[in-house]
Amino acid sequence: MPMQVRVGQGFDIHRFVDASVADRKLILGGVHFSGERGLVGHSDADVIAHAAAEAVLGACGLGDLGEHFPDTDTEFKDVDSLKLLEDVVKMARDHGFEIGNIDCSVVCELPTIAPRRDEMQKRLSAAASAPVTVKGRRAEGLGALGRGEGIACWAVAVVMQST
């Protein structure tokens, strides 16, 4: 039976909480970055997990993250975004898709991604049941990201479906 290969692109961006909000954790790729300001969001605001989930949904033609997990639903308040990624992967499988891989590019001035990359990749790969790679990039001082106002992530997912 031939396989159909599809590609999806995902994007997410969150701004940092005000410095006065000390209890919001920074979670990236399922990893807590202790001592760093957290991101504003309804869930845990994990931009990497969100972008990865968006890429999978796009590749499968299944809408977007907000459609399935609206920020108006209290069920998703402060939810672990790796759980959302797991749920998206299940949706993809329920529609006959298997995840090939997901590649994520994170853009931020802080924190430095490289020291925690392996841990993030392991957690994301476990949630996606497929290889997930993470790369960190700086915005080189340009724009809101370069001024350290938030973090963005772009992701690409490859999925296969038997036809």
N, C-alpha and C. Protein backbone atom coordinates (compact mmCIF):
# COMPACT_ATOMS: atom_id res chain seq x y z
N MET A 1 0.85 -1.17 0.00
CA MET A 1 0.00 0.00 0.00
C MET A 1 0.90 1.24 0.00
N PRO A 2 0.72 2.19 -0.94
CA PRO A 2 1.58 3.38 -0.99
C PRO A 2 1.33 4.31 0.21
N MET A 3 2.38 5.04 0.53
CA MET A 3 2.30 6.00 1.63
C MET A 3 2.22 7.41 1.07
N GLN A 4 1.40 8.21 1.67
CA GLN A 4 1.35 9.63 1.35
C GLN A 4 2.15 10.36 2.42
N VAL A 5 3.08 11.21 2.02
CA VAL A 5 3.87 12.00 2.95
C VAL A 5 3.34 13.42 2.92
N ARG A 6 3.11 13.97 4.09
CA ARG A 6 2.61 15.34 4.20
C ARG A 6 3.49 16.12 5.15
N VAL A 7 3.55 17.43 4.96
CA VAL A 7 4.37 18.31 5.78
C VAL A 7 3.49 19.41 6.35
N GLY A 8 3.72 19.74 7.61
CA GLY A 8 2.98 20.83 8.24
C GLY A 8 3.93 21.78 8.93
N GLN A 9 3.52 23.03 8.98
CA GLN A 9 4.32 24.06 9.63
C GLN A 9 3.56 24.58 10.84
N GLY A 10 4.27 24.81 11.93
CA GLY A 10 3.66 25.36 13.13
C GLY A 10 4.43 26.56 13.63
N PHE A 11 3.74 27.44 14.33
CA PHE A 11 4.35 28.63 14.90
C PHE A 11 3.66 28.95 16.21
N ASP A 12 4.44 29.43 17.18
CA ASP A 12 3.85 29.93 18.41
C ASP A 12 4.77 31.01 18.97
N ILE A 13 4.17 31.95 19.68
CA ILE A 13 4.92 33.04 20.30
C ILE A 13 4.20 33.44 21.58
N HIS A 14 4.97 33.70 22.62
CA HIS A 14 4.43 34.19 23.89
C HIS A 14 5.36 35.26 24.43
N ARG A 15 4.78 36.25 25.08
CA ARG A 15 5.59 37.27 25.73
C ARG A 15 5.87 36.85 27.17
N PHE A 16 6.94 37.41 27.71
CA PHE A 16 7.28 37.14 29.10
C PHE A 16 6.29 37.83 30.03
N VAL A 17 6.06 37.24 31.20
CA VAL A 17 5.24 37.89 32.22
C VAL A 17 6.01 39.10 32.75
N ASP A 18 5.31 40.01 33.38
CA ASP A 18 5.96 41.14 34.03
C ASP A 18 6.91 40.61 35.11
N ALA A 19 7.96 41.34 35.33
CA ALA A 19 8.97 40.94 36.32
C ALA A 19 8.37 40.74 37.70
N SER A 20 7.24 41.40 37.99
CA SER A 20 6.61 41.29 39.31
C SER A 20 5.89 39.95 39.51
N VAL A 21 5.69 39.19 38.44
CA VAL A 21 4.99 37.90 38.53
C VAL A 21 6.04 36.81 38.73
N ALA A 22 6.32 36.53 39.99
CA ALA A 22 7.42 35.62 40.32
C ALA A 22 7.03 34.15 40.30
N ASP A 23 5.73 33.84 40.32
CA ASP A 23 5.33 32.43 40.46
C ASP A 23 5.09 31.72 39.13
N ARG A 24 5.28 32.39 38.01
CA ARG A 24 5.05 31.77 36.70
C ARG A 24 6.35 31.11 36.22
N LYS A 25 6.32 29.80 36.01
CA LYS A 25 7.50 29.05 35.58
C LYS A 25 7.70 29.17 34.07
N LEU A 26 8.97 29.17 33.66
CA LEU A 26 9.29 29.09 32.25
C LEU A 26 9.45 27.63 31.88
N ILE A 27 8.57 27.15 31.00
CA ILE A 27 8.60 25.77 30.53
C ILE A 27 8.85 25.81 29.02
N LEU A 28 9.90 25.13 28.58
CA LEU A 28 10.22 25.02 27.15
C LEU A 28 10.51 23.57 26.84
N GLY A 29 9.79 23.01 25.89
CA GLY A 29 10.00 21.61 25.53
C GLY A 29 9.79 20.67 26.71
N GLY A 30 8.89 21.07 27.60
CA GLY A 30 8.59 20.25 28.78
C GLY A 30 9.61 20.38 29.91
N VAL A 31 10.58 21.28 29.75
CA VAL A 31 11.65 21.45 30.74
C VAL A 31 11.47 22.77 31.47
N HIS A 32 11.57 22.73 32.81
CA HIS A 32 11.47 23.93 33.63
C HIS A 32 12.82 24.62 33.68
N PHE A 33 12.86 25.89 33.28
CA PHE A 33 14.07 26.70 33.34
C PHE A 33 14.00 27.54 34.62
N SER A 34 14.55 27.00 35.68
CA SER A 34 14.51 27.64 36.99
C SER A 34 15.22 28.99 36.96
N GLY A 35 14.61 29.96 37.63
CA GLY A 35 15.22 31.28 37.73
C GLY A 35 14.93 32.19 36.56
N GLU A 36 14.22 31.70 35.54
CA GLU A 36 13.88 32.52 34.37
C GLU A 36 12.41 32.94 34.46
N ARG A 37 12.11 34.12 33.91
CA ARG A 37 10.72 34.59 33.88
C ARG A 37 9.88 33.68 33.00
N GLY A 38 8.66 33.44 33.43
CA GLY A 38 7.74 32.61 32.67
C GLY A 38 7.09 33.38 31.53
N LEU A 39 6.31 32.67 30.75
CA LEU A 39 5.61 33.25 29.61
C LEU A 39 4.12 33.36 29.89
N VAL A 40 3.51 34.38 29.34
CA VAL A 40 2.07 34.59 29.48
C VAL A 40 1.35 33.57 28.61
N GLY A 41 0.34 32.93 29.18
CA GLY A 41 -0.45 31.98 28.40
C GLY A 41 -1.50 31.31 29.26
N HIS A 42 -2.50 30.74 28.61
CA HIS A 42 -3.57 30.05 29.33
C HIS A 42 -3.07 28.71 29.87
N SER A 43 -2.30 28.00 29.04
CA SER A 43 -1.71 26.73 29.47
C SER A 43 -0.38 27.06 30.15
N ASP A 44 0.58 26.16 30.10
CA ASP A 44 1.90 26.46 30.66
C ASP A 44 2.74 27.31 29.71
N ALA A 45 2.19 27.66 28.53
CA ALA A 45 2.80 28.56 27.54
C ALA A 45 4.10 28.01 26.96
N ASP A 46 4.19 26.71 26.82
CA ASP A 46 5.38 26.06 26.25
C ASP A 46 5.36 26.27 24.74
N VAL A 47 6.08 27.28 24.25
CA VAL A 47 6.04 27.63 22.83
C VAL A 47 6.55 26.50 21.94
N ILE A 48 7.47 25.70 22.42
CA ILE A 48 8.01 24.62 21.60
C ILE A 48 6.97 23.52 21.41
N ALA A 49 6.36 23.08 22.49
CA ALA A 49 5.33 22.05 22.40
C ALA A 49 4.14 22.54 21.57
N HIS A 50 3.79 23.82 21.72
CA HIS A 50 2.67 24.37 20.94
C HIS A 50 2.98 24.39 19.45
N ALA A 51 4.18 24.86 19.09
CA ALA A 51 4.54 24.91 17.66
C ALA A 51 4.61 23.51 17.07
N ALA A 52 5.14 22.56 17.83
CA ALA A 52 5.21 21.17 17.36
C ALA A 52 3.80 20.62 17.12
N ALA A 53 2.89 20.88 18.06
CA ALA A 53 1.51 20.40 17.92
C ALA A 53 0.83 21.06 16.72
N GLU A 54 1.05 22.36 16.53
CA GLU A 54 0.49 23.08 15.38
C GLU A 54 0.99 22.48 14.07
N ALA A 55 2.28 22.12 14.03
CA ALA A 55 2.84 21.53 12.81
C ALA A 55 2.18 20.20 12.49
N VAL A 56 1.96 19.37 13.50
CA VAL A 56 1.32 18.07 13.29
C VAL A 56 -0.12 18.28 12.82
N LEU A 57 -0.85 19.16 13.49
CA LEU A 57 -2.24 19.43 13.08
C LEU A 57 -2.30 19.91 11.64
N GLY A 58 -1.38 20.80 11.27
CA GLY A 58 -1.36 21.31 9.90
C GLY A 58 -1.06 20.23 8.88
N ALA A 59 -0.09 19.39 9.19
CA ALA A 59 0.26 18.31 8.27
C ALA A 59 -0.90 17.36 8.04
N CYS A 60 -1.70 17.17 9.06
CA CYS A 60 -2.83 16.23 8.98
C CYS A 60 -4.13 16.90 8.52
N GLY A 61 -4.10 18.23 8.37
CA GLY A 61 -5.31 18.95 7.98
C GLY A 61 -6.37 18.93 9.06
N LEU A 62 -5.94 19.00 10.31
CA LEU A 62 -6.86 18.87 11.44
C LEU A 62 -7.09 20.18 12.20
N GLY A 63 -6.92 21.31 11.54
CA GLY A 63 -7.20 22.58 12.20
C GLY A 63 -6.00 23.10 12.97
N ASP A 64 -6.30 23.84 14.05
CA ASP A 64 -5.22 24.43 14.84
C ASP A 64 -5.43 24.17 16.33
N LEU A 65 -4.43 24.50 17.10
CA LEU A 65 -4.41 24.20 18.54
C LEU A 65 -5.57 24.87 19.27
N GLY A 66 -5.83 26.16 18.94
CA GLY A 66 -6.90 26.88 19.61
C GLY A 66 -8.28 26.30 19.34
N GLU A 67 -8.44 25.67 18.21
CA GLU A 67 -9.70 25.03 17.86
C GLU A 67 -9.97 23.82 18.76
N HIS A 68 -8.92 23.06 19.05
CA HIS A 68 -9.06 21.84 19.85
C HIS A 68 -8.92 22.08 21.35
N PHE A 69 -8.14 23.10 21.72
CA PHE A 69 -7.85 23.39 23.13
C PHE A 69 -8.02 24.88 23.37
N PRO A 70 -9.25 25.40 23.32
CA PRO A 70 -9.46 26.85 23.40
C PRO A 70 -9.03 27.44 24.75
N ASP A 71 -8.50 28.66 24.68
CA ASP A 71 -8.06 29.32 25.91
C ASP A 71 -9.22 29.87 26.73
N THR A 72 -10.43 29.62 26.26
CA THR A 72 -11.63 29.98 27.03
C THR A 72 -12.12 28.81 27.88
N ASP A 73 -11.49 27.65 27.72
CA ASP A 73 -11.90 26.44 28.43
C ASP A 73 -11.02 26.27 29.67
N THR A 74 -11.64 26.31 30.85
CA THR A 74 -10.89 26.19 32.11
C THR A 74 -10.18 24.85 32.26
N GLU A 75 -10.61 23.84 31.51
CA GLU A 75 -9.95 22.54 31.55
C GLU A 75 -8.47 22.64 31.14
N PHE A 76 -8.16 23.62 30.32
CA PHE A 76 -6.80 23.75 29.80
C PHE A 76 -5.98 24.82 30.52
N LYS A 77 -6.52 25.40 31.59
CA LYS A 77 -5.79 26.40 32.37
C LYS A 77 -4.56 25.74 33.00
N ASP A 78 -3.38 26.29 32.70
CA ASP A 78 -2.09 25.82 33.23
C ASP A 78 -1.77 24.37 32.86
N VAL A 79 -2.42 23.83 31.84
CA VAL A 79 -2.19 22.44 31.44
C VAL A 79 -0.75 22.26 30.94
N ASP A 80 -0.21 21.08 31.14
CA ASP A 80 1.10 20.70 30.63
C ASP A 80 0.99 20.56 29.11
N SER A 81 1.73 21.37 28.38
CA SER A 81 1.62 21.37 26.92
C SER A 81 2.14 20.09 26.29
N LEU A 82 2.97 19.32 26.99
CA LEU A 82 3.36 18.01 26.46
C LEU A 82 2.13 17.10 26.38
N LYS A 83 1.20 17.27 27.29
CA LYS A 83 -0.06 16.52 27.25
C LYS A 83 -0.87 16.93 26.02
N LEU A 84 -0.87 18.22 25.70
CA LEU A 84 -1.56 18.68 24.49
C LEU A 84 -0.92 18.05 23.25
N LEU A 85 0.42 18.01 23.22
CA LEU A 85 1.11 17.39 22.09
C LEU A 85 0.75 15.91 21.99
N GLU A 86 0.71 15.21 23.12
CA GLU A 86 0.30 13.80 23.12
C GLU A 86 -1.10 13.65 22.55
N ASP A 87 -2.01 14.52 22.95
CA ASP A 87 -3.40 14.47 22.47
C ASP A 87 -3.46 14.72 20.96
N VAL A 88 -2.66 15.65 20.46
CA VAL A 88 -2.62 15.94 19.03
C VAL A 88 -2.10 14.73 18.26
N VAL A 89 -1.07 14.08 18.78
CA VAL A 89 -0.52 12.88 18.13
C VAL A 89 -1.58 11.78 18.09
N LYS A 90 -2.35 11.65 19.15
CA LYS A 90 -3.43 10.66 19.16
C LYS A 90 -4.48 11.00 18.10
N MET A 91 -4.82 12.29 17.99
CA MET A 91 -5.77 12.71 16.95
C MET A 91 -5.24 12.34 15.56
N ALA A 92 -3.96 12.60 15.35
CA ALA A 92 -3.33 12.28 14.06
C ALA A 92 -3.44 10.78 13.79
N ARG A 93 -3.10 9.97 14.79
CA ARG A 93 -3.17 8.51 14.62
C ARG A 93 -4.60 8.05 14.36
N ASP A 94 -5.56 8.67 15.07
CA ASP A 94 -6.97 8.32 14.86
C ASP A 94 -7.42 8.61 13.43
N HIS A 95 -6.71 9.49 12.75
CA HIS A 95 -7.02 9.83 11.35
C HIS A 95 -6.08 9.13 10.37
N GLY A 96 -5.35 8.11 10.87
CA GLY A 96 -4.51 7.29 9.99
C GLY A 96 -3.12 7.82 9.71
N PHE A 97 -2.66 8.80 10.48
CA PHE A 97 -1.34 9.37 10.27
C PHE A 97 -0.34 8.85 11.30
N GLU A 98 0.90 8.74 10.88
CA GLU A 98 2.03 8.46 11.79
C GLU A 98 3.00 9.62 11.66
N ILE A 99 3.57 10.03 12.76
CA ILE A 99 4.51 11.14 12.76
C ILE A 99 5.88 10.62 12.34
N GLY A 100 6.48 11.26 11.34
CA GLY A 100 7.84 10.90 10.92
C GLY A 100 8.86 11.59 11.81
N ASN A 101 8.80 12.91 11.87
CA ASN A 101 9.65 13.68 12.75
C ASN A 101 9.12 15.11 12.85
N ILE A 102 9.62 15.83 13.84
CA ILE A 102 9.28 17.24 14.03
C ILE A 102 10.59 17.98 14.30
N ASP A 103 10.78 19.09 13.63
CA ASP A 103 11.97 19.91 13.82
C ASP A 103 11.53 21.30 14.29
N CYS A 104 12.13 21.78 15.39
CA CYS A 104 11.73 23.04 16.01
C CYS A 104 12.88 24.02 16.06
N SER A 105 12.61 25.26 15.70
CA SER A 105 13.58 26.36 15.81
C SER A 105 13.03 27.38 16.79
N VAL A 106 13.73 27.56 17.91
CA VAL A 106 13.32 28.47 18.97
C VAL A 106 14.12 29.75 18.84
N VAL A 107 13.44 30.90 18.89
CA VAL A 107 14.12 32.18 18.80
C VAL A 107 13.91 32.94 20.09
N CYS A 108 15.02 33.20 20.79
CA CYS A 108 14.98 33.96 22.04
C CYS A 108 16.37 34.45 22.39
N GLU A 109 16.42 35.50 23.17
CA GLU A 109 17.70 35.99 23.68
C GLU A 109 18.09 35.20 24.94
N LEU A 110 17.11 34.94 25.76
CA LEU A 110 17.30 34.14 26.98
C LEU A 110 16.08 33.26 27.15
N PRO A 111 16.21 32.07 27.68
CA PRO A 111 17.44 31.44 28.14
C PRO A 111 18.23 30.84 26.97
N THR A 112 19.43 30.41 27.26
CA THR A 112 20.23 29.68 26.28
C THR A 112 19.65 28.27 26.16
N ILE A 113 19.35 27.86 24.94
CA ILE A 113 18.67 26.59 24.69
C ILE A 113 19.63 25.39 24.75
N ALA A 114 20.83 25.54 24.21
CA ALA A 114 21.76 24.42 24.03
C ALA A 114 22.00 23.57 25.28
N PRO A 115 22.19 24.15 26.47
CA PRO A 115 22.48 23.30 27.63
C PRO A 115 21.34 22.34 28.01
N ARG A 116 20.12 22.64 27.60
CA ARG A 116 18.97 21.80 27.97
C ARG A 116 18.36 21.11 26.75
N ARG A 117 19.00 21.25 25.58
CA ARG A 117 18.45 20.71 24.33
C ARG A 117 18.15 19.21 24.40
N ASP A 118 19.10 18.42 24.87
CA ASP A 118 18.90 16.97 24.91
C ASP A 118 17.68 16.59 25.75
N GLU A 119 17.55 17.24 26.90
CA GLU A 119 16.41 16.96 27.78
C GLU A 119 15.09 17.34 27.10
N MET A 120 15.07 18.49 26.44
CA MET A 120 13.85 18.91 25.73
C MET A 120 13.52 17.92 24.61
N GLN A 121 14.54 17.54 23.84
CA GLN A 121 14.31 16.61 22.72
C GLN A 121 13.77 15.28 23.22
N LYS A 122 14.29 14.78 24.34
CA LYS A 122 13.80 13.51 24.88
C LYS A 122 12.33 13.62 25.30
N ARG A 123 11.99 14.70 26.00
CA ARG A 123 10.61 14.86 26.47
C ARG A 123 9.64 15.06 25.31
N LEU A 124 10.03 15.90 24.36
CA LEU A 124 9.17 16.14 23.21
C LEU A 124 9.03 14.88 22.36
N SER A 125 10.12 14.16 22.16
CA SER A 125 10.08 12.92 21.37
C SER A 125 9.18 11.88 22.03
N ALA A 126 9.24 11.79 23.35
CA ALA A 126 8.36 10.85 24.07
C ALA A 126 6.89 11.25 23.88
N ALA A 127 6.60 12.54 23.97
CA ALA A 127 5.22 13.00 23.82
C ALA A 127 4.72 12.79 22.39
N ALA A 128 5.61 12.95 21.42
CA ALA A 128 5.21 12.82 20.01
C ALA A 128 5.33 11.39 19.49
N SER A 129 5.94 10.52 20.26
CA SER A 129 6.23 9.15 19.82
C SER A 129 6.97 9.15 18.49
N ALA A 130 7.86 10.12 18.32
CA ALA A 130 8.65 10.28 17.11
C ALA A 130 9.82 11.22 17.42
N PRO A 131 10.85 11.20 16.60
CA PRO A 131 11.98 12.09 16.85
C PRO A 131 11.60 13.57 16.74
N VAL A 132 11.99 14.33 17.75
CA VAL A 132 11.81 15.78 17.73
C VAL A 132 13.17 16.42 17.98
N THR A 133 13.54 17.34 17.11
CA THR A 133 14.79 18.07 17.27
C THR A 133 14.48 19.52 17.62
N VAL A 134 15.39 20.12 18.40
CA VAL A 134 15.23 21.50 18.86
C VAL A 134 16.52 22.25 18.57
N LYS A 135 16.38 23.43 17.98
CA LYS A 135 17.52 24.30 17.72
C LYS A 135 17.21 25.66 18.32
N GLY A 136 18.20 26.27 18.95
CA GLY A 136 18.03 27.61 19.51
C GLY A 136 18.71 28.64 18.63
N ARG A 137 18.06 29.77 18.45
CA ARG A 137 18.60 30.88 17.67
C ARG A 137 18.35 32.17 18.42
N ARG A 138 19.26 33.12 18.27
CA ARG A 138 19.06 34.45 18.83
C ARG A 138 18.51 35.36 17.74
N ALA A 139 17.80 36.40 18.15
CA ALA A 139 17.27 37.37 17.20
C ALA A 139 18.27 38.51 16.97
N GLU A 140 19.44 38.41 17.58
CA GLU A 140 20.52 39.38 17.36
C GLU A 140 20.08 40.81 17.64
N GLY A 141 19.24 40.98 18.66
CA GLY A 141 18.83 42.31 19.07
C GLY A 141 17.75 42.95 18.22
N LEU A 142 17.23 42.23 17.23
CA LEU A 142 16.23 42.80 16.32
C LEU A 142 14.81 42.54 16.82
N GLY A 143 13.98 43.57 16.80
CA GLY A 143 12.57 43.43 17.12
C GLY A 143 12.28 43.04 18.56
N ALA A 144 11.02 42.68 18.79
CA ALA A 144 10.57 42.33 20.14
C ALA A 144 11.32 41.13 20.70
N LEU A 145 11.59 40.13 19.86
CA LEU A 145 12.34 38.96 20.33
C LEU A 145 13.77 39.35 20.67
N GLY A 146 14.36 40.18 19.86
CA GLY A 146 15.72 40.65 20.11
C GLY A 146 15.84 41.51 21.35
N ARG A 147 14.76 42.19 21.70
CA ARG A 147 14.74 42.99 22.94
C ARG A 147 14.44 42.12 24.15
N GLY A 148 14.23 40.82 23.94
CA GLY A 148 13.95 39.91 25.06
C GLY A 148 12.55 40.04 25.61
N GLU A 149 11.58 40.39 24.77
CA GLU A 149 10.21 40.56 25.23
C GLU A 149 9.42 39.25 25.22
N GLY A 150 9.96 38.22 24.58
CA GLY A 150 9.25 36.95 24.52
C GLY A 150 10.06 35.90 23.80
N ILE A 151 9.39 34.79 23.51
CA ILE A 151 10.02 33.65 22.84
C ILE A 151 9.08 33.18 21.73
N ALA A 152 9.67 32.84 20.59
CA ALA A 152 8.89 32.29 19.47
C ALA A 152 9.49 30.96 19.04
N CYS A 153 8.67 30.15 18.40
CA CYS A 153 9.15 28.87 17.88
C CYS A 153 8.44 28.56 16.57
N TRP A 154 9.24 28.11 15.61
CA TRP A 154 8.73 27.61 14.34
C TRP A 154 9.00 26.11 14.32
N ALA A 155 8.05 25.33 13.81
CA ALA A 155 8.23 23.88 13.75
C ALA A 155 7.73 23.34 12.42
N VAL A 156 8.34 22.26 11.99
CA VAL A 156 7.93 21.54 10.79
C VAL A 156 7.75 20.08 11.17
N ALA A 157 6.64 19.51 10.75
CA ALA A 157 6.37 18.09 11.02
C ALA A 157 6.17 17.35 9.70
N VAL A 158 6.72 16.15 9.65
CA VAL A 158 6.48 15.25 8.53
C VAL A 158 5.61 14.12 9.05
N VAL A 159 4.51 13.83 8.35
CA VAL A 159 3.63 12.74 8.71
C VAL A 159 3.42 11.84 7.50
N MET A 160 3.09 10.60 7.77
CA MET A 160 2.80 9.63 6.70
C MET A 160 1.41 9.06 6.93
N GLN A 161 0.75 8.76 5.81
CA GLN A 161 -0.58 8.15 5.86
C GLN A 161 -0.64 7.10 4.75
N SER A 162 -1.12 5.93 5.11
CA SER A 162 -1.35 4.90 4.10
C SER A 162 -2.51 5.33 3.22
N THR A 163 -2.34 5.17 1.91
CA THR A 163 -3.43 5.56 1.00
C THR A 163 -4.10 4.36 0.39
